[in-house]
Amino acid sequence: MNDEEVIAATREWLEKAVIGLNLCPFAKAVYVKNQVRIVVSQARHLDGLLEDLDRELDFLAEVDPETTDTTLLIHPTLLPDFLDFNDFLQLADAAVEEHELEGIIQIASFHPRFQFEGTEPDDMGNFTNRAPFPTLHLLREASIERAVAAFPEAETIYERNIETLTALGPAGWQALWRKP
């Protein structure tokens, strides 16, 4: 897939799952205001992906939040195994520290085979963090704090998402992606 196709698939996931199923009640506001930066890495190795992450951390730290509030850094092919991706997150978090951005930017992770510890691979709860491609979501902590303050009972989002996806079931999840 080329970058445009990767971005299109990611936008479809954002619109149909993240926003459409209201998995993240904070996503729609920044998405409709075009404050979500979507970057596709073509790095050939993990060092290259870390360099792309470094650039995106620097970019997000410098840019006005009204212009870009959050970044999705996607690599469509480099980390297809979820456990390898999960291990890579330690390096990604270390990059946040190296840039002295702890408490300013945090990373959330999404992967096509995301699996919470202690769950079966096909458990619908895992789909809360399943994206079309391995994705690092760089979030401003100040934005998270504002969103959580504005959302009553934000701590219930996770459980509500699992209930939503369990009710949707595998057939419902698959139906989201069918073309008319």
N, C-alpha and C. Protein backbone atom coordinates (compact mmCIF):
# COMPACT_ATOMS: atom_id res chain seq x y z
N MET A 1 0.85 -1.20 0.00
CA MET A 1 0.00 0.00 0.00
C MET A 1 0.88 1.25 0.00
N ASN A 2 0.42 2.26 -0.69
CA ASN A 2 1.15 3.52 -0.65
C ASN A 2 0.65 4.35 0.54
N ASP A 3 1.33 5.46 0.80
CA ASP A 3 0.99 6.27 1.97
C ASP A 3 -0.46 6.74 1.95
N GLU A 4 -0.96 7.13 0.77
CA GLU A 4 -2.33 7.63 0.67
C GLU A 4 -3.34 6.55 1.05
N GLU A 5 -3.06 5.31 0.64
CA GLU A 5 -3.95 4.20 0.98
C GLU A 5 -3.90 3.88 2.48
N VAL A 6 -2.72 3.96 3.07
CA VAL A 6 -2.58 3.74 4.51
C VAL A 6 -3.34 4.82 5.28
N ILE A 7 -3.20 6.05 4.85
CA ILE A 7 -3.90 7.16 5.51
C ILE A 7 -5.41 7.00 5.33
N ALA A 8 -5.85 6.63 4.14
CA ALA A 8 -7.29 6.44 3.90
C ALA A 8 -7.85 5.34 4.80
N ALA A 9 -7.14 4.23 4.93
CA ALA A 9 -7.60 3.14 5.80
C ALA A 9 -7.63 3.59 7.26
N THR A 10 -6.66 4.38 7.65
CA THR A 10 -6.62 4.89 9.03
C THR A 10 -7.77 5.87 9.27
N ARG A 11 -8.02 6.72 8.31
CA ARG A 11 -9.17 7.64 8.45
C ARG A 11 -10.49 6.87 8.53
N GLU A 12 -10.62 5.82 7.74
CA GLU A 12 -11.83 5.01 7.81
C GLU A 12 -11.99 4.40 9.20
N TRP A 13 -10.91 3.89 9.75
CA TRP A 13 -10.93 3.33 11.12
C TRP A 13 -11.31 4.41 12.13
N LEU A 14 -10.71 5.59 12.00
CA LEU A 14 -11.05 6.68 12.92
C LEU A 14 -12.54 7.02 12.83
N GLU A 15 -13.02 7.17 11.60
CA GLU A 15 -14.40 7.61 11.39
C GLU A 15 -15.42 6.54 11.77
N LYS A 16 -15.16 5.29 11.44
CA LYS A 16 -16.15 4.23 11.68
C LYS A 16 -16.05 3.60 13.07
N ALA A 17 -14.84 3.44 13.58
CA ALA A 17 -14.67 2.76 14.87
C ALA A 17 -14.44 3.76 15.99
N VAL A 18 -13.35 4.50 15.94
CA VAL A 18 -12.99 5.38 17.05
C VAL A 18 -14.06 6.44 17.29
N ILE A 19 -14.47 7.12 16.22
CA ILE A 19 -15.50 8.16 16.35
C ILE A 19 -16.89 7.56 16.18
N GLY A 20 -17.07 6.72 15.19
CA GLY A 20 -18.39 6.15 14.90
C GLY A 20 -18.97 5.34 16.03
N LEU A 21 -18.13 4.56 16.71
CA LEU A 21 -18.59 3.78 17.86
C LEU A 21 -18.37 4.53 19.17
N ASN A 22 -17.85 5.73 19.07
CA ASN A 22 -17.56 6.59 20.22
C ASN A 22 -16.60 5.91 21.19
N LEU A 23 -15.60 5.19 20.64
CA LEU A 23 -14.62 4.54 21.50
C LEU A 23 -13.76 5.56 22.22
N CYS A 24 -13.55 6.70 21.59
CA CYS A 24 -12.86 7.81 22.25
C CYS A 24 -13.75 9.03 22.11
N PRO A 25 -14.43 9.41 23.18
CA PRO A 25 -15.34 10.56 23.08
C PRO A 25 -14.63 11.89 22.83
N PHE A 26 -13.30 11.90 22.89
CA PHE A 26 -12.54 13.12 22.68
C PHE A 26 -12.04 13.27 21.24
N ALA A 27 -12.12 12.20 20.47
CA ALA A 27 -11.51 12.17 19.15
C ALA A 27 -12.23 13.05 18.13
N LYS A 28 -13.54 13.07 18.18
CA LYS A 28 -14.29 13.77 17.13
C LYS A 28 -13.95 15.25 17.06
N ALA A 29 -13.83 15.89 18.21
CA ALA A 29 -13.59 17.34 18.23
C ALA A 29 -12.30 17.71 17.50
N VAL A 30 -11.21 16.99 17.77
CA VAL A 30 -9.94 17.33 17.12
C VAL A 30 -9.93 16.86 15.67
N TYR A 31 -10.62 15.77 15.39
CA TYR A 31 -10.64 15.24 14.02
C TYR A 31 -11.39 16.20 13.07
N VAL A 32 -12.55 16.66 13.47
CA VAL A 32 -13.33 17.54 12.59
C VAL A 32 -12.67 18.91 12.42
N LYS A 33 -11.80 19.28 13.36
CA LYS A 33 -11.06 20.54 13.24
C LYS A 33 -9.72 20.35 12.54
N ASN A 34 -9.50 19.16 11.97
CA ASN A 34 -8.24 18.84 11.26
C ASN A 34 -7.01 19.06 12.13
N GLN A 35 -7.12 18.70 13.41
CA GLN A 35 -5.99 18.84 14.32
C GLN A 35 -5.28 17.51 14.57
N VAL A 36 -5.62 16.50 13.76
CA VAL A 36 -4.97 15.19 13.87
C VAL A 36 -3.99 15.06 12.70
N ARG A 37 -2.74 14.93 13.04
CA ARG A 37 -1.70 14.74 12.02
C ARG A 37 -1.52 13.23 11.84
N ILE A 38 -1.56 12.78 10.60
CA ILE A 38 -1.36 11.37 10.30
C ILE A 38 -0.10 11.24 9.45
N VAL A 39 0.88 10.52 9.98
CA VAL A 39 2.18 10.38 9.33
C VAL A 39 2.46 8.90 9.11
N VAL A 40 2.87 8.56 7.91
CA VAL A 40 3.23 7.18 7.59
C VAL A 40 4.76 7.10 7.52
N SER A 41 5.30 6.20 8.32
CA SER A 41 6.74 5.96 8.30
C SER A 41 7.04 4.89 7.26
N GLN A 42 8.07 5.13 6.48
CA GLN A 42 8.56 4.14 5.52
C GLN A 42 9.92 3.60 5.96
N ALA A 43 10.23 3.76 7.24
CA ALA A 43 11.51 3.29 7.76
C ALA A 43 11.70 1.81 7.46
N ARG A 44 12.93 1.45 7.19
CA ARG A 44 13.22 0.06 6.84
C ARG A 44 13.66 -0.76 8.06
N HIS A 45 13.85 -0.09 9.18
CA HIS A 45 14.29 -0.77 10.40
C HIS A 45 13.84 0.05 11.61
N LEU A 46 13.97 -0.55 12.78
CA LEU A 46 13.48 0.12 13.99
C LEU A 46 14.20 1.43 14.27
N ASP A 47 15.48 1.51 13.97
CA ASP A 47 16.20 2.76 14.18
C ASP A 47 15.58 3.89 13.35
N GLY A 48 15.20 3.56 12.13
CA GLY A 48 14.54 4.56 11.29
C GLY A 48 13.19 4.97 11.83
N LEU A 49 12.45 4.01 12.36
CA LEU A 49 11.16 4.34 12.98
C LEU A 49 11.36 5.22 14.20
N LEU A 50 12.39 4.95 14.98
CA LEU A 50 12.69 5.81 16.13
C LEU A 50 13.06 7.22 15.69
N GLU A 51 13.78 7.33 14.57
CA GLU A 51 14.10 8.66 14.04
C GLU A 51 12.82 9.39 13.62
N ASP A 52 11.89 8.68 12.99
CA ASP A 52 10.61 9.28 12.63
C ASP A 52 9.86 9.71 13.89
N LEU A 53 9.90 8.88 14.91
CA LEU A 53 9.26 9.23 16.18
C LEU A 53 9.90 10.47 16.78
N ASP A 54 11.23 10.54 16.75
CA ASP A 54 11.93 11.73 17.25
C ASP A 54 11.43 12.99 16.54
N ARG A 55 11.32 12.92 15.21
CA ARG A 55 10.85 14.08 14.44
C ARG A 55 9.43 14.47 14.84
N GLU A 56 8.58 13.46 15.01
CA GLU A 56 7.19 13.76 15.36
C GLU A 56 7.05 14.30 16.78
N LEU A 57 7.86 13.80 17.70
CA LEU A 57 7.86 14.35 19.06
C LEU A 57 8.28 15.81 19.04
N ASP A 58 9.36 16.11 18.30
CA ASP A 58 9.82 17.50 18.19
C ASP A 58 8.74 18.37 17.55
N PHE A 59 8.14 17.86 16.48
CA PHE A 59 7.09 18.62 15.79
C PHE A 59 5.93 18.93 16.74
N LEU A 60 5.43 17.92 17.41
CA LEU A 60 4.27 18.10 18.28
C LEU A 60 4.60 19.03 19.45
N ALA A 61 5.82 18.94 19.96
CA ALA A 61 6.22 19.81 21.08
C ALA A 61 6.28 21.27 20.66
N GLU A 62 6.56 21.53 19.39
CA GLU A 62 6.75 22.90 18.90
C GLU A 62 5.50 23.52 18.30
N VAL A 63 4.63 22.72 17.69
CA VAL A 63 3.49 23.26 16.95
C VAL A 63 2.38 23.71 17.91
N ASP A 64 1.66 24.72 17.49
CA ASP A 64 0.51 25.21 18.26
C ASP A 64 -0.56 24.12 18.30
N PRO A 65 -1.07 23.79 19.49
CA PRO A 65 -2.11 22.76 19.60
C PRO A 65 -3.36 23.07 18.78
N GLU A 66 -3.62 24.33 18.51
CA GLU A 66 -4.77 24.68 17.69
C GLU A 66 -4.57 24.27 16.23
N THR A 67 -3.32 24.11 15.84
CA THR A 67 -3.00 23.65 14.49
C THR A 67 -2.94 22.13 14.45
N THR A 68 -2.16 21.54 15.36
CA THR A 68 -2.03 20.08 15.45
C THR A 68 -2.07 19.71 16.92
N ASP A 69 -3.12 18.99 17.30
CA ASP A 69 -3.27 18.61 18.70
C ASP A 69 -2.67 17.24 18.99
N THR A 70 -2.65 16.38 18.00
CA THR A 70 -2.22 15.00 18.22
C THR A 70 -1.68 14.43 16.92
N THR A 71 -0.85 13.40 17.04
CA THR A 71 -0.24 12.78 15.86
C THR A 71 -0.41 11.27 15.91
N LEU A 72 -0.74 10.70 14.77
CA LEU A 72 -0.74 9.25 14.60
C LEU A 72 0.46 8.93 13.72
N LEU A 73 1.42 8.18 14.26
CA LEU A 73 2.58 7.74 13.50
C LEU A 73 2.37 6.27 13.19
N ILE A 74 2.25 5.97 11.91
CA ILE A 74 1.87 4.63 11.44
C ILE A 74 3.04 4.01 10.68
N HIS A 75 3.27 2.73 10.95
CA HIS A 75 4.18 1.98 10.10
C HIS A 75 3.43 0.75 9.61
N PRO A 76 3.09 0.70 8.33
CA PRO A 76 2.22 -0.37 7.84
C PRO A 76 2.85 -1.76 7.79
N THR A 77 4.19 -1.87 7.83
CA THR A 77 4.78 -3.18 7.63
C THR A 77 5.85 -3.59 8.64
N LEU A 78 6.43 -2.68 9.38
CA LEU A 78 7.64 -2.98 10.15
C LEU A 78 7.41 -3.88 11.36
N LEU A 79 6.32 -3.74 12.08
CA LEU A 79 6.09 -4.50 13.31
C LEU A 79 4.79 -5.29 13.24
N PRO A 80 4.72 -6.29 12.35
CA PRO A 80 3.46 -7.02 12.21
C PRO A 80 3.13 -7.90 13.42
N ASP A 81 4.15 -8.33 14.18
CA ASP A 81 3.92 -9.15 15.36
C ASP A 81 3.61 -8.25 16.54
N PHE A 82 2.48 -8.51 17.21
CA PHE A 82 2.07 -7.63 18.30
C PHE A 82 3.08 -7.63 19.45
N LEU A 83 3.65 -8.77 19.78
CA LEU A 83 4.59 -8.79 20.91
C LEU A 83 5.85 -7.99 20.59
N ASP A 84 6.30 -8.03 19.33
CA ASP A 84 7.44 -7.19 18.93
C ASP A 84 7.06 -5.71 19.03
N PHE A 85 5.87 -5.38 18.57
CA PHE A 85 5.38 -4.00 18.66
C PHE A 85 5.30 -3.58 20.13
N ASN A 86 4.77 -4.45 20.96
CA ASN A 86 4.63 -4.14 22.38
C ASN A 86 6.01 -3.89 23.01
N ASP A 87 7.00 -4.70 22.63
CA ASP A 87 8.36 -4.48 23.12
C ASP A 87 8.91 -3.14 22.64
N PHE A 88 8.58 -2.78 21.40
CA PHE A 88 9.06 -1.50 20.84
C PHE A 88 8.53 -0.30 21.63
N LEU A 89 7.38 -0.46 22.26
CA LEU A 89 6.80 0.65 23.02
C LEU A 89 7.72 1.13 24.13
N GLN A 90 8.55 0.24 24.66
CA GLN A 90 9.52 0.66 25.68
C GLN A 90 10.50 1.66 25.08
N LEU A 91 10.93 1.41 23.85
CA LEU A 91 11.83 2.34 23.17
C LEU A 91 11.12 3.66 22.87
N ALA A 92 9.84 3.56 22.49
CA ALA A 92 9.07 4.78 22.19
C ALA A 92 8.92 5.62 23.45
N ASP A 93 8.61 4.98 24.57
CA ASP A 93 8.48 5.72 25.82
C ASP A 93 9.82 6.33 26.24
N ALA A 94 10.91 5.61 25.99
CA ALA A 94 12.25 6.14 26.28
C ALA A 94 12.53 7.38 25.43
N ALA A 95 12.03 7.39 24.20
CA ALA A 95 12.21 8.57 23.34
C ALA A 95 11.49 9.78 23.93
N VAL A 96 10.31 9.57 24.48
CA VAL A 96 9.59 10.67 25.14
C VAL A 96 10.45 11.23 26.27
N GLU A 97 11.05 10.36 27.07
CA GLU A 97 11.94 10.79 28.16
C GLU A 97 13.14 11.54 27.62
N GLU A 98 13.77 10.99 26.58
CA GLU A 98 14.97 11.62 26.00
C GLU A 98 14.68 13.03 25.49
N HIS A 99 13.47 13.25 25.03
CA HIS A 99 13.08 14.57 24.54
C HIS A 99 12.58 15.47 25.67
N GLU A 100 12.65 14.95 26.89
CA GLU A 100 12.19 15.68 28.08
C GLU A 100 10.73 16.12 27.93
N LEU A 101 9.92 15.17 27.44
CA LEU A 101 8.50 15.45 27.22
C LEU A 101 7.59 14.65 28.14
N GLU A 102 8.17 14.01 29.16
CA GLU A 102 7.33 13.31 30.14
C GLU A 102 6.42 14.34 30.80
N GLY A 103 5.15 13.97 30.92
CA GLY A 103 4.18 14.89 31.50
C GLY A 103 3.64 15.88 30.49
N ILE A 104 4.20 15.87 29.28
CA ILE A 104 3.75 16.77 28.22
C ILE A 104 3.11 15.97 27.09
N ILE A 105 3.80 14.90 26.66
CA ILE A 105 3.30 14.03 25.60
C ILE A 105 3.35 12.59 26.11
N GLN A 106 2.32 11.83 25.79
CA GLN A 106 2.33 10.41 26.07
C GLN A 106 1.98 9.66 24.80
N ILE A 107 2.28 8.37 24.81
CA ILE A 107 2.03 7.55 23.63
C ILE A 107 1.00 6.47 23.97
N ALA A 108 -0.03 6.41 23.15
CA ALA A 108 -0.99 5.31 23.20
C ALA A 108 -0.69 4.43 21.99
N SER A 109 -1.01 3.15 22.10
CA SER A 109 -0.65 2.24 21.02
C SER A 109 -1.86 1.51 20.46
N PHE A 110 -1.78 1.27 19.16
CA PHE A 110 -2.83 0.54 18.44
C PHE A 110 -2.14 -0.42 17.48
N HIS A 111 -2.74 -1.58 17.29
CA HIS A 111 -2.13 -2.61 16.44
C HIS A 111 -3.22 -3.53 15.91
N PRO A 112 -3.07 -4.04 14.69
CA PRO A 112 -4.10 -4.93 14.14
C PRO A 112 -4.32 -6.20 14.95
N ARG A 113 -3.33 -6.61 15.72
CA ARG A 113 -3.44 -7.83 16.53
C ARG A 113 -3.34 -7.51 18.03
N PHE A 114 -3.71 -6.31 18.40
CA PHE A 114 -3.62 -5.90 19.80
C PHE A 114 -4.32 -6.92 20.69
N GLN A 115 -3.67 -7.24 21.82
CA GLN A 115 -4.27 -8.19 22.74
C GLN A 115 -3.89 -7.80 24.17
N PHE A 116 -4.92 -7.56 24.98
CA PHE A 116 -4.69 -7.29 26.39
C PHE A 116 -4.21 -8.56 27.08
N GLU A 117 -3.35 -8.39 28.05
CA GLU A 117 -2.85 -9.54 28.81
C GLU A 117 -4.03 -10.26 29.46
N GLY A 118 -3.99 -11.58 29.41
CA GLY A 118 -5.02 -12.39 30.04
C GLY A 118 -6.28 -12.56 29.21
N THR A 119 -6.24 -12.13 27.93
CA THR A 119 -7.41 -12.29 27.06
C THR A 119 -7.07 -13.24 25.92
N GLU A 120 -8.11 -13.76 25.31
CA GLU A 120 -7.94 -14.57 24.11
C GLU A 120 -7.81 -13.64 22.91
N PRO A 121 -7.12 -14.07 21.85
CA PRO A 121 -6.93 -13.20 20.69
C PRO A 121 -8.23 -12.66 20.09
N ASP A 122 -9.30 -13.45 20.12
CA ASP A 122 -10.55 -13.01 19.50
C ASP A 122 -11.49 -12.31 20.48
N ASP A 123 -11.03 -12.02 21.69
CA ASP A 123 -11.85 -11.30 22.67
C ASP A 123 -12.18 -9.92 22.10
N MET A 124 -13.44 -9.57 22.07
CA MET A 124 -13.86 -8.29 21.47
C MET A 124 -13.28 -7.09 22.21
N GLY A 125 -12.94 -7.23 23.47
CA GLY A 125 -12.32 -6.12 24.20
C GLY A 125 -11.01 -5.67 23.59
N ASN A 126 -10.30 -6.59 22.94
CA ASN A 126 -9.03 -6.24 22.29
C ASN A 126 -9.22 -5.25 21.16
N PHE A 127 -10.42 -5.23 20.59
CA PHE A 127 -10.67 -4.37 19.43
C PHE A 127 -10.72 -2.89 19.80
N THR A 128 -10.74 -2.58 21.10
CA THR A 128 -10.67 -1.17 21.50
C THR A 128 -9.34 -0.56 21.05
N ASN A 129 -8.32 -1.39 20.91
CA ASN A 129 -6.99 -0.91 20.53
C ASN A 129 -6.50 -1.52 19.21
N ARG A 130 -7.43 -1.97 18.39
CA ARG A 130 -7.03 -2.53 17.10
C ARG A 130 -7.21 -1.47 16.01
N ALA A 131 -6.14 -1.27 15.28
CA ALA A 131 -6.12 -0.34 14.15
C ALA A 131 -5.67 -1.12 12.92
N PRO A 132 -5.85 -0.54 11.75
CA PRO A 132 -5.45 -1.26 10.54
C PRO A 132 -3.95 -1.57 10.48
N PHE A 133 -3.13 -0.74 11.13
CA PHE A 133 -1.67 -0.86 11.07
C PHE A 133 -1.09 -0.55 12.45
N PRO A 134 0.12 -1.00 12.73
CA PRO A 134 0.78 -0.59 13.97
C PRO A 134 0.87 0.94 14.02
N THR A 135 0.36 1.51 15.11
CA THR A 135 0.22 2.95 15.20
C THR A 135 0.63 3.45 16.58
N LEU A 136 1.44 4.50 16.59
CA LEU A 136 1.77 5.21 17.83
C LEU A 136 0.97 6.50 17.82
N HIS A 137 0.18 6.69 18.87
CA HIS A 137 -0.64 7.89 18.98
C HIS A 137 0.03 8.81 20.00
N LEU A 138 0.55 9.92 19.50
CA LEU A 138 1.21 10.91 20.35
C LEU A 138 0.16 11.90 20.82
N LEU A 139 -0.03 11.95 22.13
CA LEU A 139 -1.09 12.77 22.71
C LEU A 139 -0.49 13.83 23.65
N ARG A 140 -1.04 15.02 23.59
CA ARG A 140 -0.66 16.06 24.55
C ARG A 140 -1.39 15.77 25.86
N GLU A 141 -0.65 15.71 26.94
CA GLU A 141 -1.28 15.44 28.24
C GLU A 141 -2.22 16.56 28.65
N ALA A 142 -1.92 17.80 28.29
CA ALA A 142 -2.82 18.91 28.63
C ALA A 142 -4.16 18.74 27.93
N SER A 143 -4.15 18.24 26.70
CA SER A 143 -5.40 18.01 25.98
C SER A 143 -6.20 16.89 26.63
N ILE A 144 -5.49 15.85 27.06
CA ILE A 144 -6.17 14.74 27.75
C ILE A 144 -6.82 15.25 29.03
N GLU A 145 -6.09 16.03 29.79
CA GLU A 145 -6.62 16.56 31.06
C GLU A 145 -7.87 17.40 30.82
N ARG A 146 -7.84 18.26 29.81
CA ARG A 146 -9.02 19.09 29.49
C ARG A 146 -10.20 18.22 29.08
N ALA A 147 -9.93 17.22 28.24
CA ALA A 147 -11.01 16.35 27.76
C ALA A 147 -11.61 15.55 28.91
N VAL A 148 -10.77 15.01 29.76
CA VAL A 148 -11.25 14.21 30.90
C VAL A 148 -12.06 15.08 31.85
N ALA A 149 -11.62 16.31 32.07
CA ALA A 149 -12.34 17.22 32.97
C ALA A 149 -13.73 17.54 32.41
N ALA A 150 -13.84 17.56 31.09
CA ALA A 150 -15.12 17.89 30.46
C ALA A 150 -16.03 16.68 30.30
N PHE A 151 -15.50 15.49 30.52
CA PHE A 151 -16.27 14.27 30.30
C PHE A 151 -16.58 13.63 31.65
N PRO A 152 -17.84 13.64 32.04
CA PRO A 152 -18.18 13.03 33.33
C PRO A 152 -17.88 11.52 33.32
N GLU A 153 -17.28 11.07 34.39
CA GLU A 153 -16.99 9.65 34.57
C GLU A 153 -16.09 9.10 33.46
N ALA A 154 -15.03 9.82 33.16
CA ALA A 154 -14.10 9.39 32.11
C ALA A 154 -13.51 8.01 32.41
N GLU A 155 -13.40 7.67 33.67
CA GLU A 155 -12.82 6.38 34.03
C GLU A 155 -13.68 5.19 33.57
N THR A 156 -14.92 5.46 33.16
CA THR A 156 -15.80 4.37 32.71
C THR A 156 -15.70 4.12 31.20
N ILE A 157 -14.92 4.92 30.49
CA ILE A 157 -14.82 4.78 29.03
C ILE A 157 -14.36 3.38 28.64
N TYR A 158 -13.33 2.89 29.30
CA TYR A 158 -12.78 1.57 28.97
C TYR A 158 -13.85 0.49 29.08
N GLU A 159 -14.57 0.45 30.20
CA GLU A 159 -15.61 -0.57 30.37
C GLU A 159 -16.74 -0.40 29.36
N ARG A 160 -17.11 0.83 29.11
CA ARG A 160 -18.17 1.10 28.14
C ARG A 160 -17.76 0.63 26.74
N ASN A 161 -16.50 0.83 26.40
CA ASN A 161 -16.00 0.39 25.09
C ASN A 161 -16.07 -1.12 24.96
N ILE A 162 -15.69 -1.82 26.00
CA ILE A 162 -15.75 -3.29 25.96
C ILE A 162 -17.20 -3.74 25.82
N GLU A 163 -18.10 -3.09 26.53
CA GLU A 163 -19.53 -3.43 26.40
C GLU A 163 -20.01 -3.17 24.97
N THR A 164 -19.63 -2.04 24.40
CA THR A 164 -20.02 -1.69 23.03
C THR A 164 -19.53 -2.73 22.04
N LEU A 165 -18.26 -3.10 22.15
CA LEU A 165 -17.68 -4.05 21.20
C LEU A 165 -18.20 -5.46 21.41
N THR A 166 -18.46 -5.82 22.65
CA THR A 166 -19.03 -7.14 22.91
C THR A 166 -20.43 -7.23 22.32
N ALA A 167 -21.21 -6.18 22.48
CA ALA A 167 -22.55 -6.15 21.90
C ALA A 167 -22.48 -6.16 20.37
N LEU A 168 -21.50 -5.48 19.81
CA LEU A 168 -21.32 -5.45 18.36
C LEU A 168 -20.95 -6.83 17.83
N GLY A 169 -20.04 -7.50 18.54
CA GLY A 169 -19.63 -8.84 18.16
C GLY A 169 -18.79 -8.87 16.90
N PRO A 170 -18.20 -10.01 16.61
CA PRO A 170 -17.34 -10.13 15.42
C PRO A 170 -18.07 -9.78 14.12
N ALA A 171 -19.30 -10.23 13.99
CA ALA A 171 -20.04 -9.96 12.74
C ALA A 171 -20.29 -8.46 12.59
N GLY A 172 -20.63 -7.80 13.66
CA GLY A 172 -20.85 -6.35 13.62
C GLY A 172 -19.58 -5.60 13.29
N TRP A 173 -18.46 -6.04 13.88
CA TRP A 173 -17.16 -5.42 13.59
C TRP A 173 -16.84 -5.56 12.10
N GLN A 174 -17.02 -6.76 11.56
CA GLN A 174 -16.75 -7.00 10.14
C GLN A 174 -17.67 -6.16 9.25
N ALA A 175 -18.90 -5.99 9.68
CA ALA A 175 -19.86 -5.21 8.89
C ALA A 175 -19.44 -3.74 8.77
N LEU A 176 -18.72 -3.24 9.75
CA LEU A 176 -18.25 -1.85 9.68
C LEU A 176 -17.40 -1.60 8.44
N TRP A 177 -16.69 -2.62 8.00
CA TRP A 177 -15.71 -2.45 6.94
C TRP A 177 -16.21 -2.87 5.56
N ARG A 178 -17.43 -3.34 5.48
CA ARG A 178 -17.99 -3.72 4.18
C ARG A 178 -18.29 -2.48 3.36
N LYS A 179 -17.93 -2.54 2.13
CA LYS A 179 -18.23 -1.44 1.21
C LYS A 179 -19.66 -1.60 0.71
N PRO A 180 -20.39 -0.49 0.60
CA PRO A 180 -21.79 -0.59 0.14
C PRO A 180 -21.91 -1.07 -1.29
